[in-house]
C-alpha atoms as a PDB file:
ATOM      1  CA  MET A   1      95.069  99.515 159.954  1.00  0.00           C
ATOM      2  CA  ALA A   2      93.992  96.345 158.191  1.00  0.00           C
ATOM      3  CA  GLU A   3      93.579  93.364 160.545  1.00  0.00           C
ATOM      4  CA  ILE A   4      92.610  89.389 161.219  1.00  0.00           C
ATOM      5  CA  LYS A   5      89.581  88.487 162.734  1.00  0.00           C
ATOM      6  CA  ASN A   6      87.675  84.539 162.881  1.00  0.00           C
ATOM      7  CA  PHE A   7      90.839  82.539 161.179  1.00  0.00           C
ATOM      8  CA  ILE A   8      90.098  79.412 161.308  1.00  0.00           C
ATOM      9  CA  TYR A   9      92.121  76.161 159.922  1.00  0.00           C
ATOM     10  CA  CYS A  10      88.819  73.609 158.503  1.00  0.00           C
ATOM     11  CA  LEU A  11      89.071  70.429 156.002  1.00  0.00           C
ATOM     12  CA  ASN A  12      86.140  72.397 153.966  1.00  0.00           C
ATOM     13  CA  ILE A  13      84.452  76.167 152.693  1.00  0.00           C
ATOM     14  CA  ASN A  14      81.522  76.429 151.191  1.00  0.00           C
ATOM     15  CA  THR A  15      80.883  79.731 149.701  1.00  0.00           C
ATOM     16  CA  GLU A  16      77.125  80.463 148.289  1.00  0.00           C
ATOM     17  CA  ASP A  17      74.545  84.086 147.891  1.00  0.00           C
ATOM     18  CA  GLY A  18      77.596  85.984 150.058  1.00  0.00           C
ATOM     19  CA  ARG A  19      77.118  82.920 153.190  1.00  0.00           C
ATOM     20  CA  THR A  20      79.996  80.500 154.223  1.00  0.00           C
ATOM     21  CA  ASP A  21      80.013  77.559 155.511  1.00  0.00           C
ATOM     22  CA  LEU A  22      83.278  75.782 157.105  1.00  0.00           C
ATOM     23  CA  VAL A  23      83.492  72.025 157.734  1.00  0.00           C
ATOM     24  CA  GLY A  24      85.581  69.806 159.708  1.00  0.00           C
ATOM     25  CA  VAL A  25      86.686  73.238 162.051  1.00  0.00           C
ATOM     26  CA  LEU A  26      90.722  71.703 162.990  1.00  0.00           C
ATOM     27  CA  ASN A  27      92.151  72.490 166.114  1.00  0.00           C
ATOM     28  CA  ALA A  28      95.066  70.307 165.232  1.00  0.00           C
ATOM     29  CA  ILE A  29      96.322  68.435 161.893  1.00  0.00           C
ATOM     30  CA  THR A  30      96.242  64.639 161.734  1.00  0.00           C
ATOM     31  CA  PRO A  31      95.790  63.486 158.540  1.00  0.00           C
ATOM     32  CA  GLU A  32      96.649  59.537 157.926  1.00  0.00           C
ATOM     33  CA  TYR A  33     100.342  59.733 157.161  1.00  0.00           C
ATOM     34  CA  ILE A  34     102.960  61.411 157.913  1.00  0.00           C
ATOM     35  CA  PRO A  35     105.293  61.880 155.555  1.00  0.00           C
ATOM     36  CA  GLY A  36     101.824  62.157 153.323  1.00  0.00           C
ATOM     37  CA  LEU A  37     100.358  65.016 151.448  1.00  0.00           C
ATOM     38  CA  PHE A  38      97.210  66.414 153.216  1.00  0.00           C
ATOM     39  CA  SER A  39      94.795  68.589 151.886  1.00  0.00           C
ATOM     40  CA  PHE A  40      92.709  71.886 154.373  1.00  0.00           C
ATOM     41  CA  SER A  41      90.940  75.256 153.558  1.00  0.00           C
ATOM     42  CA  ILE A  42      91.026  78.397 155.579  1.00  0.00           C
ATOM     43  CA  SER A  43      88.959  81.159 156.843  1.00  0.00           C
ATOM     44  CA  PHE A  44      89.435  84.518 157.337  1.00  0.00           C
ATOM     45  CA  ALA A  45      88.131  88.370 158.239  1.00  0.00           C
ATOM     46  CA  LEU A  46      90.586  91.372 156.644  1.00  0.00           C
ATOM     47  CA  LEU A  47      88.692  94.395 158.482  1.00  0.00           C
ATOM     48  CA  ASN A  48      89.449  97.928 158.786  1.00  0.00           C
ATOM     49  CA  ILE A  49      90.973  98.154 155.260  1.00  0.00           C
ATOM     50  CA  GLU A  50      90.690 101.077 152.660  1.00  0.00           C
ATOM     51  CA  GLU A  51      88.650 100.444 149.501  1.00  0.00           C
ATOM     52  CA  GLY A  52      90.197  99.579 146.178  1.00  0.00           C
ATOM     53  CA  GLU A  53      93.028  96.724 144.954  1.00  0.00           C
ATOM     54  CA  HIS A  54      95.100  95.131 147.813  1.00  0.00           C
ATOM     55  CA  ILE A  55      97.586  92.359 147.417  1.00  0.00           C
ATOM     56  CA  LEU A  56      96.937  89.240 149.284  1.00  0.00           C
ATOM     57  CA  ASN A  57     100.584  86.887 150.172  1.00  0.00           C
ATOM     58  CA  VAL A  58      98.808  83.696 152.558  1.00  0.00           C
ATOM     59  CA  LYS A  59     102.053  81.792 153.743  1.00  0.00           C
ATOM     60  CA  PHE A  60     102.417  78.093 154.613  1.00  0.00           C
ATOM     61  CA  LYS A  61     105.185  77.104 157.155  1.00  0.00           C
ATOM     62  CA  ASP A  62     106.936  74.057 158.363  1.00  0.00           C
ATOM     63  CA  PRO A  63     108.096  73.474 161.420  1.00  0.00           C
ATOM     64  CA  ASP A  64     111.967  74.687 159.850  1.00  0.00           C
ATOM     65  CA  LYS A  65     109.648  78.330 159.178  1.00  0.00           C
ATOM     66  CA  ASN A  66     110.197  76.354 155.371  1.00  0.00           C
ATOM     67  CA  VAL A  67     107.009  77.954 153.073  1.00  0.00           C
ATOM     68  CA  ILE A  68     105.384  74.777 151.513  1.00  0.00           C
ATOM     69  CA  ALA A  69     102.679  76.405 150.648  1.00  0.00           C
ATOM     70  CA  GLU A  70     101.243  79.835 149.539  1.00  0.00           C
ATOM     71  CA  ILE A  71      99.085  82.171 147.786  1.00  0.00           C
ATOM     72  CA  ASP A  72     101.120  84.552 145.838  1.00  0.00           C
ATOM     73  CA  GLY A  73     100.208  88.485 145.261  1.00  0.00           C
ATOM     74  CA  ALA A  74      96.747  87.377 144.811  1.00  0.00           C
ATOM     75  CA  THR A  75      94.968  90.733 143.760  1.00  0.00           C
ATOM     76  CA  VAL A  76      92.282  91.126 146.446  1.00  0.00           C
ATOM     77  CA  PRO A  77      89.238  93.992 146.015  1.00  0.00           C
ATOM     78  CA  TYR A  78      87.344  95.425 148.098  1.00  0.00           C
ATOM     79  CA  LYS A  79      84.628  98.059 147.739  1.00  0.00           C
ATOM     80  CA  LYS A  80      82.749  99.351 150.865  1.00  0.00           C
ATOM     81  CA  ASP A  81      79.162  98.111 150.953  1.00  0.00           C
ATOM     82  CA  GLU A  82      77.594 101.648 151.606  1.00  0.00           C
ATOM     83  CA  ASN A  83      73.698 100.217 152.350  1.00  0.00           C
ATOM     84  CA  SER A  84      75.543  98.952 155.488  1.00  0.00           C
ATOM     85  CA  ASN A  85      75.675 100.796 159.272  1.00  0.00           C
ATOM     86  CA  LEU A  86      78.713  98.932 160.296  1.00  0.00           C
ATOM     87  CA  PRO A  87      81.783 101.613 161.198  1.00  0.00           C
ATOM     88  CA  ASP A  88      84.585 100.764 159.417  1.00  0.00           C
ATOM     89  CA  SER A  89      87.307  98.971 161.264  1.00  0.00           C
ATOM     90  CA  GLN A  90      84.020  96.357 161.481  1.00  0.00           C
ATOM     91  CA  MET A  91      84.264  95.923 158.203  1.00  0.00           C
ATOM     92  CA  GLY A  92      85.967  94.529 155.048  1.00  0.00           C
ATOM     93  CA  ILE A  93      85.731  90.777 152.832  1.00  0.00           C
ATOM     94  CA  ASN A  94      85.990  87.141 154.098  1.00  0.00           C
ATOM     95  CA  VAL A  95      89.139  85.429 152.387  1.00  0.00           C
ATOM     96  CA  ALA A  96      88.625  81.550 151.938  1.00  0.00           C
ATOM     97  CA  ALA A  97      91.223  79.525 150.284  1.00  0.00           C
ATOM     98  CA  GLY A  98      92.231  75.715 149.690  1.00  0.00           C
ATOM     99  CA  MET A  99      95.651  74.069 150.485  1.00  0.00           C
ATOM    100  CA  GLN A 100      95.464  71.395 148.478  1.00  0.00           C
ATOM    101  CA  ASN A 101      97.962  68.166 148.825  1.00  0.00           C
ATOM    102  CA  VAL A 102     100.317  70.209 151.295  1.00  0.00           C
ATOM    103  CA  ASP A 103     103.652  68.066 151.928  1.00  0.00           C
ATOM    104  CA  PHE A 104     103.694  67.493 155.768  1.00  0.00           C
ATOM    105  CA  LYS A 105     107.537  65.964 156.237  1.00  0.00           C
ATOM    106  CA  LYS A 106     107.660  65.462 159.670  1.00  0.00           C
ATOM    107  CA  SER A 107     104.996  66.321 163.345  1.00  0.00           C
ATOM    108  CA  GLY A 108     105.499  70.062 165.005  1.00  0.00           C
ATOM    109  CA  LEU A 109     103.516  73.448 164.777  1.00  0.00           C
ATOM    110  CA  TYR A 110     103.100  74.162 161.249  1.00  0.00           C
ATOM    111  CA  SER A 111     101.990  78.382 160.950  1.00  0.00           C
ATOM    112  CA  THR A 112     100.362  80.891 157.923  1.00  0.00           C
ATOM    113  CA  GLU A 113     101.623  83.956 157.811  1.00  0.00           C
ATOM    114  CA  VAL A 114      98.785  86.888 156.543  1.00  0.00           C
ATOM    115  CA  ILE A 115     100.318  89.798 154.252  1.00  0.00           C
ATOM    116  CA  LEU A 116      98.425  92.479 152.893  1.00  0.00           C
ATOM    117  CA  ASP A 117     100.181  95.002 150.426  1.00  0.00           C
ATOM    118  CA  GLY A 118     103.700  94.553 151.924  1.00  0.00           C
ATOM    119  CA  ILE A 119     103.179  94.544 155.524  1.00  0.00           C
ATOM    120  CA  ARG A 120     103.185  91.022 157.167  1.00  0.00           C
ATOM    121  CA  ILE A 121      99.687  91.777 159.536  1.00  0.00           C
ATOM    122  CA  GLY A 122      99.865  88.455 161.800  1.00  0.00           C
ATOM    123  CA  GLU A 123     100.889  84.555 161.904  1.00  0.00           C
ATOM    124  CA  TYR A 124      98.300  81.673 162.960  1.00  0.00           C
ATOM    125  CA  PRO A 125     100.007  79.106 164.638  1.00  0.00           C
ATOM    126  CA  ILE A 126      98.346  74.940 164.186  1.00  0.00           C
ATOM    127  CA  TYR A 127      99.746  72.080 164.755  1.00  0.00           C
ATOM    128  CA  ALA A 128     100.554  68.851 163.242  1.00  0.00           C
ATOM    129  CA  LYS A 129     100.658  65.118 163.810  1.00  0.00           C
ATOM    130  CA  GLY A 130      99.915  61.897 161.776  1.00  0.00           C
ATOM    131  CA  LYS A 131      97.348  58.771 162.642  1.00  0.00           C
ATOM    132  CA  ASN A 132     100.037  56.920 162.226  1.00  0.00           C
ATOM    133  CA  GLU A 133     102.252  57.920 164.777  1.00  0.00           C
END
């Protein structure tokens, strides 16, 4: 069964030549103002998935569990690297996504839910509080 490893919130992600660099790892989201808009990125690995195309949904939820940003039905292809000596359970794909101008209406515990092929794989919380509060 598919699983997520290394789910990380950050300010930005750069990918180049098969390498992923995270900028500004976040333990909490601290925009200048709440209410207000804030952009951030997420990164995670999907491991132990079958070869072929998969449908990925990512839902960022506010403290009331309302979806305030999402990636809806992205097609994610996967082909096993035949040159790798890793077991299938440790192979997969890296996902990097930018969440632009997300509307934070209040401070509290937000979360990101990840769904692969209609199956909920995990949910990852993060606290948000404005610097103006």
